[in-house]
PDB file of N, CA and C in Angstrom:
ATOM      1  N   UNK A   1      14.824 -24.925  22.776  1.00  0.00           N
ATOM      2  CA  UNK A   1      14.957 -25.604  21.511  1.00  0.00           C
ATOM      3  C   UNK A   1      16.256 -25.230  20.801  1.00  0.00           C
ATOM      4  N   UNK A   2      16.860 -24.128  21.178  1.00  0.00           N
ATOM      5  CA  UNK A   2      18.087 -23.700  20.522  1.00  0.00           C
ATOM      6  C   UNK A   2      19.226 -24.679  20.709  1.00  0.00           C
ATOM      7  N   UNK A   3      19.363 -25.238  21.916  1.00  0.00           N
ATOM      8  CA  UNK A   3      20.468 -26.174  22.149  1.00  0.00           C
ATOM      9  C   UNK A   3      20.264 -27.466  21.367  1.00  0.00           C
ATOM     10  N   UNK A   4      19.026 -27.908  21.256  1.00  0.00           N
ATOM     11  CA  UNK A   4      18.734 -29.118  20.472  1.00  0.00           C
ATOM     12  C   UNK A   4      19.029 -28.854  18.994  1.00  0.00           C
ATOM     13  N   UNK A   5      18.645 -27.687  18.519  1.00  0.00           N
ATOM     14  CA  UNK A   5      18.900 -27.326  17.125  1.00  0.00           C
ATOM     15  C   UNK A   5      20.395 -27.228  16.848  1.00  0.00           C
ATOM     16  N   UNK A   6      21.156 -26.667  17.784  1.00  0.00           N
ATOM     17  CA  UNK A   6      22.607 -26.563  17.618  1.00  0.00           C
ATOM     18  C   UNK A   6      23.242 -27.948  17.563  1.00  0.00           C
ATOM     19  N   UNK A   7      22.766 -28.844  18.400  1.00  0.00           N
ATOM     20  CA  UNK A   7      23.288 -30.220  18.397  1.00  0.00           C
ATOM     21  C   UNK A   7      22.991 -30.900  17.063  1.00  0.00           C
ATOM     22  N   UNK A   8      21.760 -30.728  16.575  1.00  0.00           N
ATOM     23  CA  UNK A   8      21.380 -31.299  15.281  1.00  0.00           C
ATOM     24  C   UNK A   8      22.252 -30.737  14.158  1.00  0.00           C
ATOM     25  N   UNK A   9      22.514 -29.432  14.199  1.00  0.00           N
ATOM     26  CA  UNK A   9      23.355 -28.805  13.188  1.00  0.00           C
ATOM     27  C   UNK A   9      24.743 -29.427  13.184  1.00  0.00           C
ATOM     28  N   UNK A  10      25.297 -29.690  14.354  1.00  0.00           N
ATOM     29  CA  UNK A  10      26.597 -30.346  14.442  1.00  0.00           C
ATOM     30  C   UNK A  10      26.579 -31.729  13.819  1.00  0.00           C
ATOM     31  N   UNK A  11      25.507 -32.473  14.046  1.00  0.00           N
ATOM     32  CA  UNK A  11      25.371 -33.803  13.457  1.00  0.00           C
ATOM     33  C   UNK A  11      25.247 -33.717  11.929  1.00  0.00           C
ATOM     34  N   UNK A  12      24.496 -32.740  11.468  1.00  0.00           N
ATOM     35  CA  UNK A  12      24.323 -32.563  10.023  1.00  0.00           C
ATOM     36  C   UNK A  12      25.660 -32.202   9.373  1.00  0.00           C
ATOM     37  N   UNK A  13      26.405 -31.305   9.997  1.00  0.00           N
ATOM     38  CA  UNK A  13      27.710 -30.904   9.449  1.00  0.00           C
ATOM     39  C   UNK A  13      28.654 -32.102   9.374  1.00  0.00           C
ATOM     40  N   UNK A  14      28.666 -32.947  10.397  1.00  0.00           N
ATOM     41  CA  UNK A  14      29.516 -34.146  10.387  1.00  0.00           C
ATOM     42  C   UNK A  14      29.081 -35.100   9.280  1.00  0.00           C
ATOM     43  N   UNK A  15      27.779 -35.247   9.093  1.00  0.00           N
ATOM     44  CA  UNK A  15      27.285 -36.137   8.036  1.00  0.00           C
ATOM     45  C   UNK A  15      27.622 -35.607   6.646  1.00  0.00           C
ATOM     46  N   UNK A  16      27.532 -34.299   6.457  1.00  0.00           N
ATOM     47  CA  UNK A  16      27.890 -33.705   5.165  1.00  0.00           C
ATOM     48  C   UNK A  16      29.381 -33.903   4.899  1.00  0.00           C
ATOM     49  N   UNK A  17      30.191 -33.722   5.914  1.00  0.00           N
ATOM     50  CA  UNK A  17      31.637 -33.911   5.765  1.00  0.00           C
ATOM     51  C   UNK A  17      31.945 -35.351   5.359  1.00  0.00           C
ATOM     52  N   UNK A  18      31.293 -36.311   5.976  1.00  0.00           N
ATOM     53  CA  UNK A  18      31.485 -37.713   5.628  1.00  0.00           C
ATOM     54  C   UNK A  18      31.009 -37.985   4.204  1.00  0.00           C
ATOM     55  N   UNK A  19      29.877 -37.413   3.824  1.00  0.00           N
ATOM     56  CA  UNK A  19      29.366 -37.594   2.458  1.00  0.00           C
ATOM     57  C   UNK A  19      30.334 -37.016   1.433  1.00  0.00           C
ATOM     58  N   UNK A  20      30.894 -35.848   1.718  1.00  0.00           N
ATOM     59  CA  UNK A  20      31.876 -35.249   0.811  1.00  0.00           C
ATOM     60  C   UNK A  20      33.114 -36.141   0.681  1.00  0.00           C
ATOM     61  N   UNK A  21      33.566 -36.702   1.789  1.00  0.00           N
ATOM     62  CA  UNK A  21      34.732 -37.585   1.747  1.00  0.00           C
ATOM     63  C   UNK A  21      34.457 -38.797   0.863  1.00  0.00           C
ATOM     64  N   UNK A  22      33.270 -39.370   0.986  1.00  0.00           N
ATOM     65  CA  UNK A  22      32.912 -40.523   0.154  1.00  0.00           C
ATOM     66  C   UNK A  22      32.861 -40.125  -1.320  1.00  0.00           C
ATOM     67  N   UNK A  23      32.283 -38.971  -1.615  1.00  0.00           N
ATOM     68  CA  UNK A  23      32.228 -38.484  -2.997  1.00  0.00           C
ATOM     69  C   UNK A  23      33.628 -38.259  -3.562  1.00  0.00           C
ATOM     70  N   UNK A  24      34.520 -37.702  -2.758  1.00  0.00           N
ATOM     71  CA  UNK A  24      35.896 -37.455  -3.214  1.00  0.00           C
ATOM     72  C   UNK A  24      36.610 -38.770  -3.476  1.00  0.00           C
ATOM     73  N   UNK A  25      36.447 -39.752  -2.592  1.00  0.00           N
ATOM     74  CA  UNK A  25      37.060 -41.062  -2.815  1.00  0.00           C
ATOM     75  C   UNK A  25      36.526 -41.717  -4.091  1.00  0.00           C
ATOM     76  N   UNK A  26      35.236 -41.571  -4.323  1.00  0.00           N
ATOM     77  CA  UNK A  26      34.629 -42.123  -5.534  1.00  0.00           C
ATOM     78  C   UNK A  26      35.189 -41.435  -6.777  1.00  0.00           C
ATOM     79  N   UNK A  27      35.330 -40.124  -6.721  1.00  0.00           N
ATOM     80  CA  UNK A  27      35.896 -39.377  -7.842  1.00  0.00           C
ATOM     81  C   UNK A  27      37.339 -39.796  -8.106  1.00  0.00           C
ATOM     82  N   UNK A  28      38.107 -39.994  -7.048  1.00  0.00           N
ATOM     83  CA  UNK A  28      39.499 -40.433  -7.212  1.00  0.00           C
ATOM     84  C   UNK A  28      39.566 -41.812  -7.857  1.00  0.00           C
ATOM     85  N   UNK A  29      38.676 -42.710  -7.461  1.00  0.00           N
ATOM     86  CA  UNK A  29      38.631 -44.042  -8.070  1.00  0.00           C
ATOM     87  C   UNK A  29      38.283 -43.925  -9.558  1.00  0.00           C
ATOM     88  N   UNK A  30      37.365 -43.032  -9.881  1.00  0.00           N
ATOM     89  CA  UNK A  30      37.014 -42.816 -11.279  1.00  0.00           C
ATOM     90  C   UNK A  30      38.188 -42.290 -12.084  1.00  0.00           C
ATOM     91  N   UNK A  31      38.939 -41.362 -11.509  1.00  0.00           N
ATOM     92  CA  UNK A  31      40.128 -40.843 -12.200  1.00  0.00           C
ATOM     93  C   UNK A  31      41.170 -41.939 -12.398  1.00  0.00           C
ATOM     94  N   UNK A  32      41.336 -42.787 -11.392  1.00  0.00           N
ATOM     95  CA  UNK A  32      42.281 -43.901 -11.512  1.00  0.00           C
ATOM     96  C   UNK A  32      41.892 -44.821 -12.666  1.00  0.00           C
ATOM     97  N   UNK A  33      40.604 -45.056 -12.835  1.00  0.00           N
ATOM     98  CA  UNK A  33      40.125 -45.968 -13.872  1.00  0.00           C
ATOM     99  C   UNK A  33      40.166 -45.358 -15.267  1.00  0.00           C
ATOM    100  N   UNK A  34      40.197 -44.036 -15.350  1.00  0.00           N
ATOM    101  CA  UNK A  34      40.166 -43.363 -16.655  1.00  0.00           C
ATOM    102  C   UNK A  34      41.548 -43.053 -17.218  1.00  0.00           C
ATOM    103  N   UNK A  35      42.590 -43.489 -16.536  1.00  0.00           N
ATOM    104  CA  UNK A  35      43.933 -43.246 -17.060  1.00  0.00           C
ATOM    105  C   UNK A  35      44.070 -43.915 -18.408  1.00  0.00           C
ATOM    106  N   UNK A  36      44.738 -43.339 -19.338  1.00  0.00           N
ATOM    107  CA  UNK A  36      45.707 -42.258 -19.296  1.00  0.00           C
ATOM    108  C   UNK A  36      45.111 -40.862 -19.505  1.00  0.00           C
ATOM    109  N   UNK A  37      43.799 -40.719 -19.503  1.00  0.00           N
ATOM    110  CA  UNK A  37      43.213 -39.384 -19.634  1.00  0.00           C
ATOM    111  C   UNK A  37      43.647 -38.511 -18.469  1.00  0.00           C
ATOM    112  N   UNK A  38      43.874 -37.250 -18.729  1.00  0.00           N
ATOM    113  CA  UNK A  38      44.352 -36.310 -17.713  1.00  0.00           C
ATOM    114  C   UNK A  38      43.253 -35.326 -17.320  1.00  0.00           C
ATOM    115  N   UNK A  39      43.020 -35.141 -16.019  1.00  0.00           N
ATOM    116  CA  UNK A  39      42.038 -34.150 -15.578  1.00  0.00           C
ATOM    117  C   UNK A  39      42.642 -32.744 -15.590  1.00  0.00           C
ATOM    118  N   UNK A  40      41.837 -31.764 -15.243  1.00  0.00           N
ATOM    119  CA  UNK A  40      42.300 -30.378 -15.154  1.00  0.00           C
ATOM    120  C   UNK A  40      43.312 -30.239 -14.009  1.00  0.00           C
ATOM    121  N   UNK A  41      43.986 -29.105 -13.951  1.00  0.00           N
ATOM    122  CA  UNK A  41      45.020 -28.890 -12.933  1.00  0.00           C
ATOM    123  C   UNK A  41      44.477 -28.974 -11.507  1.00  0.00           C
ATOM    124  N   UNK A  42      43.313 -28.365 -11.259  1.00  0.00           N
ATOM    125  CA  UNK A  42      42.740 -28.389  -9.923  1.00  0.00           C
ATOM    126  C   UNK A  42      42.326 -29.789  -9.497  1.00  0.00           C
ATOM    127  N   UNK A  43      41.696 -30.503 -10.397  1.00  0.00           N
ATOM    128  CA  UNK A  43      41.280 -31.879 -10.097  1.00  0.00           C
ATOM    129  C   UNK A  43      42.501 -32.760  -9.890  1.00  0.00           C
ATOM    130  N   UNK A  44      43.517 -32.557 -10.707  1.00  0.00           N
ATOM    131  CA  UNK A  44      44.752 -33.337 -10.561  1.00  0.00           C
ATOM    132  C   UNK A  44      45.403 -33.064  -9.206  1.00  0.00           C
ATOM    133  N   UNK A  45      45.396 -31.812  -8.770  1.00  0.00           N
ATOM    134  CA  UNK A  45      45.980 -31.464  -7.470  1.00  0.00           C
ATOM    135  C   UNK A  45      45.201 -32.117  -6.330  1.00  0.00           C
ATOM    136  N   UNK A  46      43.874 -32.107  -6.427  1.00  0.00           N
ATOM    137  CA  UNK A  46      43.043 -32.747  -5.398  1.00  0.00           C
ATOM    138  C   UNK A  46      43.291 -34.250  -5.380  1.00  0.00           C
ATOM    139  N   UNK A  47      43.349 -34.858  -6.546  1.00  0.00           N
ATOM    140  CA  UNK A  47      43.607 -36.302  -6.642  1.00  0.00           C
ATOM    141  C   UNK A  47      44.958 -36.643  -6.032  1.00  0.00           C
ATOM    142  N   UNK A  48      45.967 -35.869  -6.358  1.00  0.00           N
ATOM    143  CA  UNK A  48      47.309 -36.114  -5.833  1.00  0.00           C
ATOM    144  C   UNK A  48      47.325 -35.990  -4.305  1.00  0.00           C
ATOM    145  N   UNK A  49      46.627 -34.990  -3.769  1.00  0.00           N
ATOM    146  CA  UNK A  49      46.575 -34.798  -2.312  1.00  0.00           C
ATOM    147  C   UNK A  49      45.919 -35.984  -1.626  1.00  0.00           C
ATOM    148  N   UNK A  50      44.855 -36.489  -2.214  1.00  0.00           N
ATOM    149  CA  UNK A  50      44.182 -37.657  -1.626  1.00  0.00           C
ATOM    150  C   UNK A  50      45.070 -38.893  -1.735  1.00  0.00           C
ATOM    151  N   UNK A  51      45.653 -39.101  -2.893  1.00  0.00           N
ATOM    152  CA  UNK A  51      46.463 -40.307  -3.109  1.00  0.00           C
ATOM    153  C   UNK A  51      47.760 -40.319  -2.283  1.00  0.00           C
ATOM    154  N   UNK A  52      48.208 -39.175  -1.832  1.00  0.00           N
ATOM    155  CA  UNK A  52      49.369 -39.154  -0.927  1.00  0.00           C
ATOM    156  C   UNK A  52      49.034 -39.802   0.410  1.00  0.00           C
ATOM    157  N   UNK A  53      47.758 -39.791   0.776  1.00  0.00           N
ATOM    158  CA  UNK A  53      47.330 -40.303   2.075  1.00  0.00           C
ATOM    159  C   UNK A  53      46.507 -41.586   1.990  1.00  0.00           C
ATOM    160  N   UNK A  54      45.836 -41.779   0.874  1.00  0.00           N
ATOM    161  CA  UNK A  54      44.947 -42.933   0.713  1.00  0.00           C
ATOM    162  C   UNK A  54      45.329 -43.654  -0.580  1.00  0.00           C
ATOM    163  N   UNK A  55      45.757 -44.907  -0.490  1.00  0.00           N
ATOM    164  CA  UNK A  55      46.120 -45.641  -1.708  1.00  0.00           C
ATOM    165  C   UNK A  55      44.884 -46.019  -2.522  1.00  0.00           C
ATOM    166  N   UNK A  56      45.065 -46.273  -3.822  1.00  0.00           N
ATOM    167  CA  UNK A  56      43.932 -46.708  -4.643  1.00  0.00           C
ATOM    168  C   UNK A  56      43.374 -48.042  -4.144  1.00  0.00           C
ATOM    169  N   UNK A  57      42.110 -48.275  -4.450  1.00  0.00           N
ATOM    170  CA  UNK A  57      41.475 -49.548  -4.094  1.00  0.00           C
ATOM    171  C   UNK A  57      41.907 -50.605  -5.100  1.00  0.00           C
ATOM    172  N   UNK A  58      42.796 -51.468  -4.695  1.00  0.00           N
ATOM    173  CA  UNK A  58      43.210 -52.566  -5.570  1.00  0.00           C
ATOM    174  C   UNK A  58      42.727 -53.907  -5.036  1.00  0.00           C
ATOM    175  N   UNK A  59      42.268 -53.894  -3.805  1.00  0.00           N
ATOM    176  CA  UNK A  59      41.719 -55.105  -3.198  1.00  0.00           C
ATOM    177  C   UNK A  59      40.659 -54.690  -2.181  1.00  0.00           C
ATOM    178  N   UNK A  60      39.879 -55.654  -1.760  1.00  0.00           N
ATOM    179  CA  UNK A  60      38.808 -55.375  -0.811  1.00  0.00           C
ATOM    180  C   UNK A  60      39.391 -54.968   0.540  1.00  0.00           C
ATOM    181  N   UNK A  61      38.868 -53.897   1.129  1.00  0.00           N
ATOM    182  CA  UNK A  61      39.291 -53.449   2.457  1.00  0.00           C
ATOM    183  C   UNK A  61      38.205 -52.571   3.049  1.00  0.00           C
ATOM    184  N   UNK A  62      38.169 -52.460   4.373  1.00  0.00           N
ATOM    185  CA  UNK A  62      37.198 -51.540   4.972  1.00  0.00           C
ATOM    186  C   UNK A  62      37.571 -50.098   4.638  1.00  0.00           C
ATOM    187  N   UNK A  63      36.589 -49.290   4.360  1.00  0.00           N
ATOM    188  CA  UNK A  63      36.853 -47.927   3.891  1.00  0.00           C
ATOM    189  C   UNK A  63      36.717 -46.861   4.966  1.00  0.00           C
ATOM    190  N   UNK A  64      36.363 -47.238   6.185  1.00  0.00           N
ATOM    191  CA  UNK A  64      36.138 -46.214   7.207  1.00  0.00           C
ATOM    192  C   UNK A  64      37.400 -45.404   7.492  1.00  0.00           C
ATOM    193  N   UNK A  65      38.564 -46.014   7.420  1.00  0.00           N
ATOM    194  CA  UNK A  65      39.814 -45.258   7.642  1.00  0.00           C
ATOM    195  C   UNK A  65      40.033 -44.253   6.511  1.00  0.00           C
ATOM    196  N   UNK A  66      39.842 -44.701   5.274  1.00  0.00           N
ATOM    197  CA  UNK A  66      40.010 -43.814   4.118  1.00  0.00           C
ATOM    198  C   UNK A  66      39.042 -42.634   4.199  1.00  0.00           C
ATOM    199  N   UNK A  67      37.802 -42.923   4.550  1.00  0.00           N
ATOM    200  CA  UNK A  67      36.792 -41.866   4.670  1.00  0.00           C
ATOM    201  C   UNK A  67      37.199 -40.867   5.744  1.00  0.00           C
ATOM    202  N   UNK A  68      37.688 -41.362   6.873  1.00  0.00           N
ATOM    203  CA  UNK A  68      38.101 -40.471   7.963  1.00  0.00           C
ATOM    204  C   UNK A  68      39.280 -39.593   7.542  1.00  0.00           C
ATOM    205  N   UNK A  69      40.227 -40.151   6.809  1.00  0.00           N
ATOM    206  CA  UNK A  69      41.392 -39.379   6.358  1.00  0.00           C
ATOM    207  C   UNK A  69      40.958 -38.262   5.414  1.00  0.00           C
ATOM    208  N   UNK A  70      40.116 -38.592   4.447  1.00  0.00           N
ATOM    209  CA  UNK A  70      39.674 -37.589   3.484  1.00  0.00           C
ATOM    210  C   UNK A  70      38.792 -36.545   4.170  1.00  0.00           C
ATOM    211  N   UNK A  71      37.942 -36.972   5.084  1.00  0.00           N
ATOM    212  CA  UNK A  71      37.121 -36.010   5.829  1.00  0.00           C
ATOM    213  C   UNK A  71      38.006 -35.031   6.592  1.00  0.00           C
ATOM    214  N   UNK A  72      39.099 -35.512   7.129  1.00  0.00           N
ATOM    215  CA  UNK A  72      40.013 -34.642   7.876  1.00  0.00           C
ATOM    216  C   UNK A  72      40.695 -33.627   6.961  1.00  0.00           C
ATOM    217  N   UNK A  73      41.147 -34.034   5.765  1.00  0.00           N
ATOM    218  CA  UNK A  73      41.826 -33.059   4.896  1.00  0.00           C
ATOM    219  C   UNK A  73      40.831 -32.060   4.299  1.00  0.00           C
ATOM    220  N   UNK A  74      39.552 -32.430   4.233  1.00  0.00           N
ATOM    221  CA  UNK A  74      38.530 -31.455   3.850  1.00  0.00           C
ATOM    222  C   UNK A  74      38.320 -30.481   5.005  1.00  0.00           C
ATOM    223  N   UNK A  75      38.205 -31.022   6.209  1.00  0.00           N
ATOM    224  CA  UNK A  75      37.930 -30.211   7.392  1.00  0.00           C
ATOM    225  C   UNK A  75      39.057 -29.235   7.715  1.00  0.00           C
ATOM    226  N   UNK A  76      40.301 -29.710   7.629  1.00  0.00           N
ATOM    227  CA  UNK A  76      41.419 -28.847   8.011  1.00  0.00           C
ATOM    228  C   UNK A  76      41.880 -27.906   6.891  1.00  0.00           C
ATOM    229  N   UNK A  77      41.256 -28.003   5.717  1.00  0.00           N
ATOM    230  CA  UNK A  77      41.550 -27.081   4.628  1.00  0.00           C
ATOM    231  C   UNK A  77      42.714 -27.477   3.743  1.00  0.00           C
ATOM    232  N   UNK A  78      43.343 -28.619   4.010  1.00  0.00           N
ATOM    233  CA  UNK A  78      44.493 -29.030   3.213  1.00  0.00           C
ATOM    234  C   UNK A  78      44.119 -29.262   1.749  1.00  0.00           C
ATOM    235  N   UNK A  79      43.001 -29.915   1.521  1.00  0.00           N
ATOM    236  CA  UNK A  79      42.600 -30.216   0.149  1.00  0.00           C
ATOM    237  C   UNK A  79      42.370 -28.923  -0.637  1.00  0.00           C
ATOM    238  N   UNK A  80      41.657 -27.996  -0.046  1.00  0.00           N
ATOM    239  CA  UNK A  80      41.403 -26.705  -0.704  1.00  0.00           C
ATOM    240  C   UNK A  80      42.711 -25.960  -0.957  1.00  0.00           C
ATOM    241  N   UNK A  81      43.606 -25.979   0.008  1.00  0.00           N
ATOM    242  CA  UNK A  81      44.888 -25.280  -0.148  1.00  0.00           C
ATOM    243  C   UNK A  81      45.699 -25.864  -1.300  1.00  0.00           C
ATOM    244  N   UNK A  82      45.693 -27.190  -1.433  1.00  0.00           N
ATOM    245  CA  UNK A  82      46.427 -27.829  -2.532  1.00  0.00           C
ATOM    246  C   UNK A  82      45.858 -27.436  -3.884  1.00  0.00           C
ATOM    247  N   UNK A  83      44.540 -27.379  -3.976  1.00  0.00           N
ATOM    248  CA  UNK A  83      43.911 -26.988  -5.242  1.00  0.00           C
ATOM    249  C   UNK A  83      44.188 -25.520  -5.530  1.00  0.00           C
ATOM    250  N   UNK A  84      44.070 -24.662  -4.525  1.00  0.00           N
ATOM    251  CA  UNK A  84      44.315 -23.231  -4.720  1.00  0.00           C
ATOM    252  C   UNK A  84      45.767 -22.955  -5.105  1.00  0.00           C
ATOM    253  N   UNK A  85      46.667 -23.773  -4.641  1.00  0.00           N
ATOM    254  CA  UNK A  85      48.081 -23.611  -5.012  1.00  0.00           C
ATOM    255  C   UNK A  85      48.262 -23.782  -6.520  1.00  0.00           C
ATOM    256  N   UNK A  86      47.454 -24.637  -7.120  1.00  0.00           N
ATOM    257  CA  UNK A  86      47.546 -24.903  -8.561  1.00  0.00           C
ATOM    258  C   UNK A  86      46.745 -23.927  -9.408  1.00  0.00           C
ATOM    259  N   UNK A  87      45.548 -23.562  -8.938  1.00  0.00           N
ATOM    260  CA  UNK A  87      44.647 -22.794  -9.809  1.00  0.00           C
ATOM    261  C   UNK A  87      44.315 -21.391  -9.308  1.00  0.00           C
ATOM    262  N   UNK A  88      44.780 -21.028  -8.133  1.00  0.00           N
ATOM    263  CA  UNK A  88      44.434 -19.728  -7.576  1.00  0.00           C
ATOM    264  C   UNK A  88      43.275 -19.840  -6.610  1.00  0.00           C
ATOM    265  N   UNK A  89      42.911 -18.724  -6.038  1.00  0.00           N
ATOM    266  CA  UNK A  89      41.872 -18.708  -4.998  1.00  0.00           C
ATOM    267  C   UNK A  89      40.534 -19.206  -5.513  1.00  0.00           C
ATOM    268  N   UNK A  90      39.885 -20.021  -4.693  1.00  0.00           N
ATOM    269  CA  UNK A  90      38.539 -20.493  -4.994  1.00  0.00           C
ATOM    270  C   UNK A  90      37.531 -19.572  -4.322  1.00  0.00           C
ATOM    271  N   UNK A  91      36.369 -19.500  -4.877  1.00  0.00           N
ATOM    272  CA  UNK A  91      35.325 -18.617  -4.336  1.00  0.00           C
ATOM    273  C   UNK A  91      34.831 -19.097  -2.995  1.00  0.00           C
TER     274      UNK A  91
END
């Protein structure tokens, strides 16, 4: 049962990563809509990192590419590194 459980854990981790990417994209869209209000330094750094790779939604398009890009920058630590550069080490 251990190998089946390990496989399931891998699937769960991939699903969580995808869910986080969708949440981050949604948050970025919310920040875009709330301009000219300014977020905190860490949130601004995360938004800037995402927007360097994924343009704002201005027209209808499939989102699977955007989700994959954001999932990758979460996975490889780039997003966290950009935020930590602005606000210091995260817990």
